């Protein structure tokens, strides 16, 4: 009987320590709320950083496409110029 009373008193003491505040939340609920809010902030930050990385990747991809297109145009110009020079050299060789 004494053991049961001691156990009951201890349980009541523990419950008293977990009392609710004005918002009706106990310490465990407060801690859970803080963790939820921190998790939401971390999630938002990670999403923002991923969006920045996506934008940077897309910009880099566009720059590579532009550079490739420009290089291709310059190569075409160089081939045309080389062809003209070879043709002129051949004409000169035939004239001599």
PDB file of N, CA and C in Angstrom:
ATOM      1  N   UNK A   1       0.802  -1.182   0.000  1.00  0.00           N
ATOM      2  CA  UNK A   1       0.000   0.000   0.000  1.00  0.00           C
ATOM      3  C   UNK A   1       0.859   1.266   0.000  1.00  0.00           C
ATOM      4  N   UNK A   2       1.931   1.237   0.850  1.00  0.00           N
ATOM      5  CA  UNK A   2       2.831   2.374   0.897  1.00  0.00           C
ATOM      6  C   UNK A   2       3.504   2.581  -0.453  1.00  0.00           C
ATOM      7  N   UNK A   3       3.910   1.502  -1.072  1.00  0.00           N
ATOM      8  CA  UNK A   3       4.576   1.595  -2.373  1.00  0.00           C
ATOM      9  C   UNK A   3       3.638   2.201  -3.406  1.00  0.00           C
ATOM     10  N   UNK A   4       2.348   1.846  -3.327  1.00  0.00           N
ATOM     11  CA  UNK A   4       1.373   2.383  -4.266  1.00  0.00           C
ATOM     12  C   UNK A   4       1.177   3.883  -4.030  1.00  0.00           C
ATOM     13  N   UNK A   5       1.159   4.300  -2.795  1.00  0.00           N
ATOM     14  CA  UNK A   5       0.997   5.720  -2.485  1.00  0.00           C
ATOM     15  C   UNK A   5       2.232   6.506  -2.929  1.00  0.00           C
ATOM     16  N   UNK A   6       3.409   5.960  -2.715  1.00  0.00           N
ATOM     17  CA  UNK A   6       4.648   6.626  -3.134  1.00  0.00           C
ATOM     18  C   UNK A   6       4.669   6.753  -4.655  1.00  0.00           C
ATOM     19  N   UNK A   7       4.279   5.694  -5.341  1.00  0.00           N
ATOM     20  CA  UNK A   7       4.229   5.724  -6.804  1.00  0.00           C
ATOM     21  C   UNK A   7       3.236   6.757  -7.303  1.00  0.00           C
ATOM     22  N   UNK A   8       2.085   6.827  -6.662  1.00  0.00           N
ATOM     23  CA  UNK A   8       1.062   7.802  -7.055  1.00  0.00           C
ATOM     24  C   UNK A   8       1.562   9.216  -6.819  1.00  0.00           C
ATOM     25  N   UNK A   9       2.207   9.443  -5.678  1.00  0.00           N
ATOM     26  CA  UNK A   9       2.748  10.769  -5.378  1.00  0.00           C
ATOM     27  C   UNK A   9       3.838  11.164  -6.370  1.00  0.00           C
ATOM     28  N   UNK A  10       4.669  10.208  -6.743  1.00  0.00           N
ATOM     29  CA  UNK A  10       5.729  10.488  -7.723  1.00  0.00           C
ATOM     30  C   UNK A  10       5.116  10.822  -9.080  1.00  0.00           C
ATOM     31  N   UNK A  11       4.099  10.078  -9.482  1.00  0.00           N
ATOM     32  CA  UNK A  11       3.436  10.347 -10.753  1.00  0.00           C
ATOM     33  C   UNK A  11       2.813  11.728 -10.750  1.00  0.00           C
ATOM     34  N   UNK A  12       2.188  12.095  -9.633  1.00  0.00           N
ATOM     35  CA  UNK A  12       1.595  13.426  -9.518  1.00  0.00           C
ATOM     36  C   UNK A  12       2.663  14.516  -9.574  1.00  0.00           C
ATOM     37  N   UNK A  13       3.804  14.259  -8.966  1.00  0.00           N
ATOM     38  CA  UNK A  13       4.900  15.222  -8.988  1.00  0.00           C
ATOM     39  C   UNK A  13       5.419  15.410 -10.412  1.00  0.00           C
ATOM     40  N   UNK A  14       5.538  14.319 -11.124  1.00  0.00           N
ATOM     41  CA  UNK A  14       5.986  14.391 -12.517  1.00  0.00           C
ATOM     42  C   UNK A  14       4.974  15.160 -13.347  1.00  0.00           C
ATOM     43  N   UNK A  15       3.709  14.849 -13.183  1.00  0.00           N
ATOM     44  CA  UNK A  15       2.656  15.550 -13.930  1.00  0.00           C
ATOM     45  C   UNK A  15       2.601  17.022 -13.579  1.00  0.00           C
ATOM     46  N   UNK A  16       2.853  17.351 -12.321  1.00  0.00           N
ATOM     47  CA  UNK A  16       2.870  18.751 -11.910  1.00  0.00           C
ATOM     48  C   UNK A  16       4.008  19.490 -12.609  1.00  0.00           C
ATOM     49  N   UNK A  17       5.120  18.807 -12.801  1.00  0.00           N
ATOM     50  CA  UNK A  17       6.260  19.390 -13.517  1.00  0.00           C
ATOM     51  C   UNK A  17       5.962  19.575 -14.990  1.00  0.00           C
ATOM     52  N   UNK A  18       4.992  18.867 -15.512  1.00  0.00           N
ATOM     53  CA  UNK A  18       4.609  18.973 -16.911  1.00  0.00           C
ATOM     54  C   UNK A  18       3.350  19.804 -17.054  1.00  0.00           C
ATOM     55  N   UNK A  19       3.176  20.734 -16.156  1.00  0.00           N
ATOM     56  CA  UNK A  19       1.974  21.566 -16.188  1.00  0.00           C
ATOM     57  C   UNK A  19       1.875  22.366 -17.477  1.00  0.00           C
ATOM     58  N   UNK A  20       0.699  22.775 -17.789  1.00  0.00           N
ATOM     59  CA  UNK A  20       0.441  23.530 -19.009  1.00  0.00           C
ATOM     60  C   UNK A  20       0.543  25.021 -18.719  1.00  0.00           C
ATOM     61  N   UNK A  21       0.964  25.773 -19.724  1.00  0.00           N
ATOM     62  CA  UNK A  21       1.052  27.218 -19.569  1.00  0.00           C
ATOM     63  C   UNK A  21      -0.240  27.875 -20.032  1.00  0.00           C
ATOM     64  N   UNK A  22      -0.204  29.184 -20.246  1.00  0.00           N
ATOM     65  CA  UNK A  22      -1.397  29.924 -20.661  1.00  0.00           C
ATOM     66  C   UNK A  22      -1.925  29.462 -22.013  1.00  0.00           C
ATOM     67  N   UNK A  23      -1.055  28.961 -22.865  1.00  0.00           N
ATOM     68  CA  UNK A  23      -1.459  28.493 -24.185  1.00  0.00           C
ATOM     69  C   UNK A  23      -1.980  27.064 -24.141  1.00  0.00           C
ATOM     70  N   UNK A  24      -1.980  26.466 -22.997  1.00  0.00           N
ATOM     71  CA  UNK A  24      -2.445  25.094 -22.869  1.00  0.00           C
ATOM     72  C   UNK A  24      -1.421  24.082 -23.340  1.00  0.00           C
ATOM     73  N   UNK A  25      -0.156  24.487 -23.405  1.00  0.00           N
ATOM     74  CA  UNK A  25       0.890  23.575 -23.877  1.00  0.00           C
ATOM     75  C   UNK A  25       1.831  23.231 -22.734  1.00  0.00           C
ATOM     76  N   UNK A  26       2.170  21.969 -22.649  1.00  0.00           N
ATOM     77  CA  UNK A  26       3.138  21.523 -21.665  1.00  0.00           C
ATOM     78  C   UNK A  26       4.546  21.656 -22.230  1.00  0.00           C
ATOM     79  N   UNK A  27       5.558  21.369 -21.416  1.00  0.00           N
ATOM     80  CA  UNK A  27       6.958  21.486 -21.850  1.00  0.00           C
ATOM     81  C   UNK A  27       7.274  20.633 -23.073  1.00  0.00           C
ATOM     82  N   UNK A  28       6.759  19.409 -23.131  1.00  0.00           N
ATOM     83  CA  UNK A  28       7.039  18.540 -24.281  1.00  0.00           C
ATOM     84  C   UNK A  28       6.407  19.113 -25.549  1.00  0.00           C
ATOM     85  N   UNK A  29       5.198  19.667 -25.403  1.00  0.00           N
ATOM     86  CA  UNK A  29       4.546  20.261 -26.569  1.00  0.00           C
ATOM     87  C   UNK A  29       5.292  21.513 -27.025  1.00  0.00           C
ATOM     88  N   UNK A  30       5.775  22.296 -26.079  1.00  0.00           N
ATOM     89  CA  UNK A  30       6.574  23.481 -26.430  1.00  0.00           C
ATOM     90  C   UNK A  30       7.835  23.066 -27.187  1.00  0.00           C
ATOM     91  N   UNK A  31       8.514  22.046 -26.654  1.00  0.00           N
ATOM     92  CA  UNK A  31       9.730  21.562 -27.307  1.00  0.00           C
ATOM     93  C   UNK A  31       9.405  21.056 -28.710  1.00  0.00           C
ATOM     94  N   UNK A  32       8.300  20.342 -28.853  1.00  0.00           N
ATOM     95  CA  UNK A  32       7.891  19.851 -30.163  1.00  0.00           C
ATOM     96  C   UNK A  32       7.604  20.988 -31.121  1.00  0.00           C
ATOM     97  N   UNK A  33       6.959  22.033 -30.614  1.00  0.00           N
ATOM     98  CA  UNK A  33       6.649  23.196 -31.448  1.00  0.00           C
ATOM     99  C   UNK A  33       7.939  23.874 -31.904  1.00  0.00           C
ATOM    100  N   UNK A  34       8.887  24.039 -30.990  1.00  0.00           N
ATOM    101  CA  UNK A  34      10.171  24.656 -31.330  1.00  0.00           C
ATOM    102  C   UNK A  34      10.887  23.826 -32.390  1.00  0.00           C
ATOM    103  N   UNK A  35      10.884  22.503 -32.221  1.00  0.00           N
ATOM    104  CA  UNK A  35      11.524  21.633 -33.205  1.00  0.00           C
ATOM    105  C   UNK A  35      10.826  21.722 -34.561  1.00  0.00           C
ATOM    106  N   UNK A  36       9.505  21.756 -34.558  1.00  0.00           N
ATOM    107  CA  UNK A  36       8.757  21.885 -35.814  1.00  0.00           C
ATOM    108  C   UNK A  36       9.097  23.185 -36.523  1.00  0.00           C
ATOM    109  N   UNK A  37       9.143  24.271 -35.757  1.00  0.00           N
ATOM    110  CA  UNK A  37       9.458  25.573 -36.350  1.00  0.00           C
ATOM    111  C   UNK A  37      10.881  25.601 -36.895  1.00  0.00           C
ATOM    112  N   UNK A  38      11.815  25.019 -36.145  1.00  0.00           N
ATOM    113  CA  UNK A  38      13.208  24.962 -36.614  1.00  0.00           C
ATOM    114  C   UNK A  38      13.306  24.114 -37.880  1.00  0.00           C
ATOM    115  N   UNK A  39      12.604  23.007 -37.902  1.00  0.00           N
ATOM    116  CA  UNK A  39      12.602  22.154 -39.087  1.00  0.00           C
ATOM    117  C   UNK A  39      12.031  22.874 -40.299  1.00  0.00           C
ATOM    118  N   UNK A  40      10.977  23.646 -40.088  1.00  0.00           N
ATOM    119  CA  UNK A  40      10.377  24.414 -41.186  1.00  0.00           C
ATOM    120  C   UNK A  40      11.354  25.463 -41.703  1.00  0.00           C
ATOM    121  N   UNK A  41      12.075  26.125 -40.784  1.00  0.00           N
ATOM    122  CA  UNK A  41      13.059  27.134 -41.220  1.00  0.00           C
ATOM    123  C   UNK A  41      14.190  26.480 -42.008  1.00  0.00           C
ATOM    124  N   UNK A  42      14.671  25.346 -41.532  1.00  0.00           N
ATOM    125  CA  UNK A  42      15.740  24.630 -42.242  1.00  0.00           C
ATOM    126  C   UNK A  42      15.243  24.192 -43.622  1.00  0.00           C
ATOM    127  N   UNK A  43      14.042  23.671 -43.678  1.00  0.00           N
ATOM    128  CA  UNK A  43      13.468  23.231 -44.944  1.00  0.00           C
ATOM    129  C   UNK A  43      13.345  24.403 -45.920  1.00  0.00           C
ATOM    130  N   UNK A  44      12.864  25.540 -45.428  1.00  0.00           N
ATOM    131  CA  UNK A  44      12.746  26.730 -46.286  1.00  0.00           C
ATOM    132  C   UNK A  44      14.111  27.164 -46.800  1.00  0.00           C
ATOM    133  N   UNK A  45      15.105  27.162 -45.918  1.00  0.00           N
ATOM    134  CA  UNK A  45      16.454  27.568 -46.308  1.00  0.00           C
ATOM    135  C   UNK A  45      17.012  26.619 -47.365  1.00  0.00           C
ATOM    136  N   UNK A  46      16.833  25.326 -47.156  1.00  0.00           N
ATOM    137  CA  UNK A  46      17.325  24.335 -48.123  1.00  0.00           C
ATOM    138  C   UNK A  46      16.628  24.527 -49.467  1.00  0.00           C
ATOM    139  N   UNK A  47      15.320  24.747 -49.449  1.00  0.00           N
ATOM    140  CA  UNK A  47      14.580  24.967 -50.701  1.00  0.00           C
ATOM    141  C   UNK A  47      15.084  26.213 -51.421  1.00  0.00           C
ATOM    142  N   UNK A  48      15.346  27.286 -50.679  1.00  0.00           N
ATOM    143  CA  UNK A  48      15.874  28.513 -51.274  1.00  0.00           C
ATOM    144  C   UNK A  48      17.233  28.267 -51.920  1.00  0.00           C
ATOM    145  N   UNK A  49      18.091  27.549 -51.221  1.00  0.00           N
ATOM    146  CA  UNK A  49      19.425  27.268 -51.758  1.00  0.00           C
ATOM    147  C   UNK A  49      19.353  26.373 -52.992  1.00  0.00           C
ATOM    148  N   UNK A  50      18.453  25.403 -52.973  1.00  0.00           N
ATOM    149  CA  UNK A  50      18.278  24.544 -54.149  1.00  0.00           C
ATOM    150  C   UNK A  50      17.770  25.350 -55.341  1.00  0.00           C
ATOM    151  N   UNK A  51      16.878  26.286 -55.092  1.00  0.00           N
ATOM    152  CA  UNK A  51      16.373  27.131 -56.175  1.00  0.00           C
ATOM    153  C   UNK A  51      17.503  27.988 -56.749  1.00  0.00           C
ATOM    154  N   UNK A  52      18.360  28.518 -55.875  1.00  0.00           N
ATOM    155  CA  UNK A  52      19.512  29.299 -56.348  1.00  0.00           C
ATOM    156  C   UNK A  52      20.438  28.427 -57.191  1.00  0.00           C
ATOM    157  N   UNK A  53      20.693  27.217 -56.735  1.00  0.00           N
ATOM    158  CA  UNK A  53      21.561  26.300 -57.480  1.00  0.00           C
ATOM    159  C   UNK A  53      20.945  25.955 -58.832  1.00  0.00           C
ATOM    160  N   UNK A  54      19.641  25.754 -58.864  1.00  0.00           N
ATOM    161  CA  UNK A  54      18.962  25.468 -60.135  1.00  0.00           C
ATOM    162  C   UNK A  54      19.106  26.635 -61.104  1.00  0.00           C
ATOM    163  N   UNK A  55      18.919  27.855 -60.597  1.00  0.00           N
ATOM    164  CA  UNK A  55      19.062  29.038 -61.460  1.00  0.00           C
ATOM    165  C   UNK A  55      20.490  29.160 -61.977  1.00  0.00           C
ATOM    166  N   UNK A  56      21.459  28.952 -61.110  1.00  0.00           N
ATOM    167  CA  UNK A  56      22.866  29.040 -61.523  1.00  0.00           C
ATOM    168  C   UNK A  56      23.197  27.970 -62.558  1.00  0.00           C
ATOM    169  N   UNK A  57      22.667  26.775 -62.369  1.00  0.00           N
ATOM    170  CA  UNK A  57      22.901  25.696 -63.328  1.00  0.00           C
ATOM    171  C   UNK A  57      22.298  26.035 -64.679  1.00  0.00           C
ATOM    172  N   UNK A  58      21.097  26.569 -64.678  1.00  0.00           N
ATOM    173  CA  UNK A  58      20.436  26.941 -65.932  1.00  0.00           C
ATOM    174  C   UNK A  58      21.208  28.054 -66.646  1.00  0.00           C
ATOM    175  N   UNK A  59      21.685  29.042 -65.886  1.00  0.00           N
ATOM    176  CA  UNK A  59      22.484  30.121 -66.482  1.00  0.00           C
ATOM    177  C   UNK A  59      23.774  29.566 -67.093  1.00  0.00           C
ATOM    178  N   UNK A  60      24.429  28.657 -66.384  1.00  0.00           N
ATOM    179  CA  UNK A  60      25.660  28.053 -66.898  1.00  0.00           C
ATOM    180  C   UNK A  60      25.373  27.253 -68.162  1.00  0.00           C
ATOM    181  N   UNK A  61      24.265  26.517 -68.155  1.00  0.00           N
ATOM    182  CA  UNK A  61      23.877  25.727 -69.327  1.00  0.00           C
ATOM    183  C   UNK A  61      23.649  26.648 -70.533  1.00  0.00           C
ATOM    184  N   UNK A  62      22.981  27.782 -70.302  1.00  0.00           N
ATOM    185  CA  UNK A  62      22.741  28.752 -71.382  1.00  0.00           C
ATOM    186  C   UNK A  62      24.051  29.324 -71.907  1.00  0.00           C
ATOM    187  N   UNK A  63      24.967  29.626 -71.003  1.00  0.00           N
ATOM    188  CA  UNK A  63      26.258  30.174 -71.420  1.00  0.00           C
ATOM    189  C   UNK A  63      27.038  29.162 -72.260  1.00  0.00           C
ATOM    190  N   UNK A  64      26.979  27.898 -71.878  1.00  0.00           N
ATOM    191  CA  UNK A  64      27.671  26.855 -72.648  1.00  0.00           C
ATOM    192  C   UNK A  64      27.061  26.750 -74.043  1.00  0.00           C
ATOM    193  N   UNK A  65      25.718  26.788 -74.115  1.00  0.00           N
ATOM    194  CA  UNK A  65      25.053  26.741 -75.421  1.00  0.00           C
ATOM    195  C   UNK A  65      25.478  27.917 -76.289  1.00  0.00           C
ATOM    196  N   UNK A  66      25.500  29.123 -75.699  1.00  0.00           N
ATOM    197  CA  UNK A  66      25.898  30.313 -76.445  1.00  0.00           C
ATOM    198  C   UNK A  66      27.347  30.206 -76.919  1.00  0.00           C
ATOM    199  N   UNK A  67      28.221  29.768 -76.033  1.00  0.00           N
ATOM    200  CA  UNK A  67      29.639  29.647 -76.391  1.00  0.00           C
ATOM    201  C   UNK A  67      29.833  28.606 -77.489  1.00  0.00           C
ATOM    202  N   UNK A  68      29.103  27.504 -77.405  1.00  0.00           N
ATOM    203  CA  UNK A  68      29.203  26.460 -78.430  1.00  0.00           C
ATOM    204  C   UNK A  68      28.720  26.989 -79.774  1.00  0.00           C
ATOM    205  N   UNK A  69      27.611  27.702 -79.767  1.00  0.00           N
ATOM    206  CA  UNK A  69      27.068  28.277 -80.999  1.00  0.00           C
ATOM    207  C   UNK A  69      28.060  29.271 -81.601  1.00  0.00           C
ATOM    208  N   UNK A  70      28.626  30.150 -80.769  1.00  0.00           N
ATOM    209  CA  UNK A  70      29.594  31.130 -81.252  1.00  0.00           C
ATOM    210  C   UNK A  70      30.844  30.459 -81.804  1.00  0.00           C
ATOM    211  N   UNK A  71      31.326  29.444 -81.112  1.00  0.00           N
ATOM    212  CA  UNK A  71      32.521  28.724 -81.578  1.00  0.00           C
ATOM    213  C   UNK A  71      32.243  28.043 -82.918  1.00  0.00           C
ATOM    214  N   UNK A  72      31.063  27.493 -83.064  1.00  0.00           N
ATOM    215  CA  UNK A  72      30.700  26.833 -84.316  1.00  0.00           C
ATOM    216  C   UNK A  72      30.679  27.834 -85.463  1.00  0.00           C
ATOM    217  N   UNK A  73      30.114  29.008 -85.215  1.00  0.00           N
ATOM    218  CA  UNK A  73      30.097  30.058 -86.249  1.00  0.00           C
ATOM    219  C   UNK A  73      31.508  30.471 -86.635  1.00  0.00           C
ATOM    220  N   UNK A  74      32.348  30.670 -85.640  1.00  0.00           N
ATOM    221  CA  UNK A  74      33.734  31.065 -85.926  1.00  0.00           C
ATOM    222  C   UNK A  74      34.467  29.974 -86.689  1.00  0.00           C
ATOM    223  N   UNK A  75      34.219  28.729 -86.354  1.00  0.00           N
ATOM    224  CA  UNK A  75      34.845  27.619 -87.073  1.00  0.00           C
ATOM    225  C   UNK A  75      34.384  27.594 -88.528  1.00  0.00           C
ATOM    226  N   UNK A  76      33.095  27.833 -88.752  1.00  0.00           N
ATOM    227  CA  UNK A  76      32.579  27.889 -90.122  1.00  0.00           C
ATOM    228  C   UNK A  76      33.247  29.012 -90.902  1.00  0.00           C
ATOM    229  N   UNK A  77      33.404  30.172 -90.277  1.00  0.00           N
ATOM    230  CA  UNK A  77      34.079  31.297 -90.938  1.00  0.00           C
ATOM    231  C   UNK A  77      35.523  30.935 -91.284  1.00  0.00           C
ATOM    232  N   UNK A  78      36.201  30.295 -90.339  1.00  0.00           N
ATOM    233  CA  UNK A  78      37.601  29.915 -90.559  1.00  0.00           C
ATOM    234  C   UNK A  78      37.713  28.906 -91.694  1.00  0.00           C
ATOM    235  N   UNK A  79      36.778  27.953 -91.768  1.00  0.00           N
ATOM    236  CA  UNK A  79      36.806  26.967 -92.861  1.00  0.00           C
ATOM    237  C   UNK A  79      36.579  27.641 -94.202  1.00  0.00           C
ATOM    238  N   UNK A  80      35.649  28.593 -94.250  1.00  0.00           N
ATOM    239  CA  UNK A  80      35.391  29.314 -95.502  1.00  0.00           C
ATOM    240  C   UNK A  80      36.626  30.096 -95.931  1.00  0.00           C
ATOM    241  N   UNK A  81      37.249  30.784 -94.986  1.00  0.00           N
ATOM    242  CA  UNK A  81      38.453  31.554 -95.304  1.00  0.00           C
ATOM    243  C   UNK A  81      39.576  30.625 -95.767  1.00  0.00           C
ATOM    244  N   UNK A  82      39.744  29.509 -95.124  1.00  0.00           N
ATOM    245  CA  UNK A  82      40.764  28.544 -95.532  1.00  0.00           C
ATOM    246  C   UNK A  82      40.485  28.051 -96.948  1.00  0.00           C
ATOM    247  N   UNK A  83      39.232  27.761 -97.226  1.00  0.00           N
ATOM    248  CA  UNK A  83      38.860  27.309 -98.569  1.00  0.00           C
ATOM    249  C   UNK A  83      39.190  28.354 -99.617  1.00  0.00           C
ATOM    250  N   UNK A  84      38.902  29.634 -99.338  1.00  0.00           N
ATOM    251  CA  UNK A  84      39.228  30.712-100.290  1.00  0.00           C
ATOM    252  C   UNK A  84      40.739  30.806-100.510  1.00  0.00           C
ATOM    253  N   UNK A  85      41.499  30.694 -99.440  1.00  0.00           N
ATOM    254  CA  UNK A  85      42.958  30.800 -99.566  1.00  0.00           C
ATOM    255  C   UNK A  85      43.540  29.626-100.345  1.00  0.00           C
ATOM    256  N   UNK A  86      43.010  28.437-100.098  1.00  0.00           N
ATOM    257  CA  UNK A  86      43.496  27.262-100.835  1.00  0.00           C
ATOM    258  C   UNK A  86      43.164  27.427-102.321  1.00  0.00           C
ATOM    259  N   UNK A  87      41.971  27.934-102.580  1.00  0.00           N
ATOM    260  CA  UNK A  87      41.562  28.142-103.967  1.00  0.00           C
ATOM    261  C   UNK A  87      42.471  29.159-104.651  1.00  0.00           C
ATOM    262  N   UNK A  88      42.780  30.285-103.972  1.00  0.00           N
ATOM    263  CA  UNK A  88      43.680  31.288-104.554  1.00  0.00           C
ATOM    264  C   UNK A  88      45.084  30.717-104.774  1.00  0.00           C
ATOM    265  N   UNK A  89      45.550  29.925-103.818  1.00  0.00           N
ATOM    266  CA  UNK A  89      46.887  29.322-103.965  1.00  0.00           C
ATOM    267  C   UNK A  89      46.896  28.391-105.163  1.00  0.00           C
ATOM    268  N   UNK A  90      45.810  27.625-105.352  1.00  0.00           N
ATOM    269  CA  UNK A  90      45.737  26.733-106.509  1.00  0.00           C
ATOM    270  C   UNK A  90      45.720  27.505-107.804  1.00  0.00           C
ATOM    271  N   UNK A  91      45.006  28.630-107.834  1.00  0.00           N
ATOM    272  CA  UNK A  91      44.971  29.471-109.037  1.00  0.00           C
ATOM    273  C   UNK A  91      46.344  30.012-109.367  1.00  0.00           C
ATOM    274  N   UNK A  92      47.066  30.460-108.326  1.00  0.00           N
ATOM    275  CA  UNK A  92      48.409  30.989-108.535  1.00  0.00           C
ATOM    276  C   UNK A  92      49.350  29.919-109.059  1.00  0.00           C
ATOM    277  N   UNK A  93      49.195  28.692-108.530  1.00  0.00           N
ATOM    278  CA  UNK A  93      50.053  27.581-108.971  1.00  0.00           C
ATOM    279  C   UNK A  93      49.770  27.261-110.446  1.00  0.00           C
ATOM    280  N   UNK A  94      48.531  27.328-110.856  1.00  0.00           N
ATOM    281  CA  UNK A  94      48.186  27.037-112.240  1.00  0.00           C
ATOM    282  C   UNK A  94      48.651  28.142-113.176  1.00  0.00           C
ATOM    283  N   UNK A  95      48.668  29.378-112.663  1.00  0.00           N
ATOM    284  CA  UNK A  95      49.094  30.505-113.493  1.00  0.00           C
ATOM    285  C   UNK A  95      50.598  30.467-113.741  1.00  0.00           C
ATOM    286  N   UNK A  96      51.325  29.886-112.904  1.00  0.00           N
ATOM    287  CA  UNK A  96      52.784  29.845-113.069  1.00  0.00           C
ATOM    288  C   UNK A  96      53.225  28.713-113.862  1.00  0.00           C
TER     289      UNK A  96
END
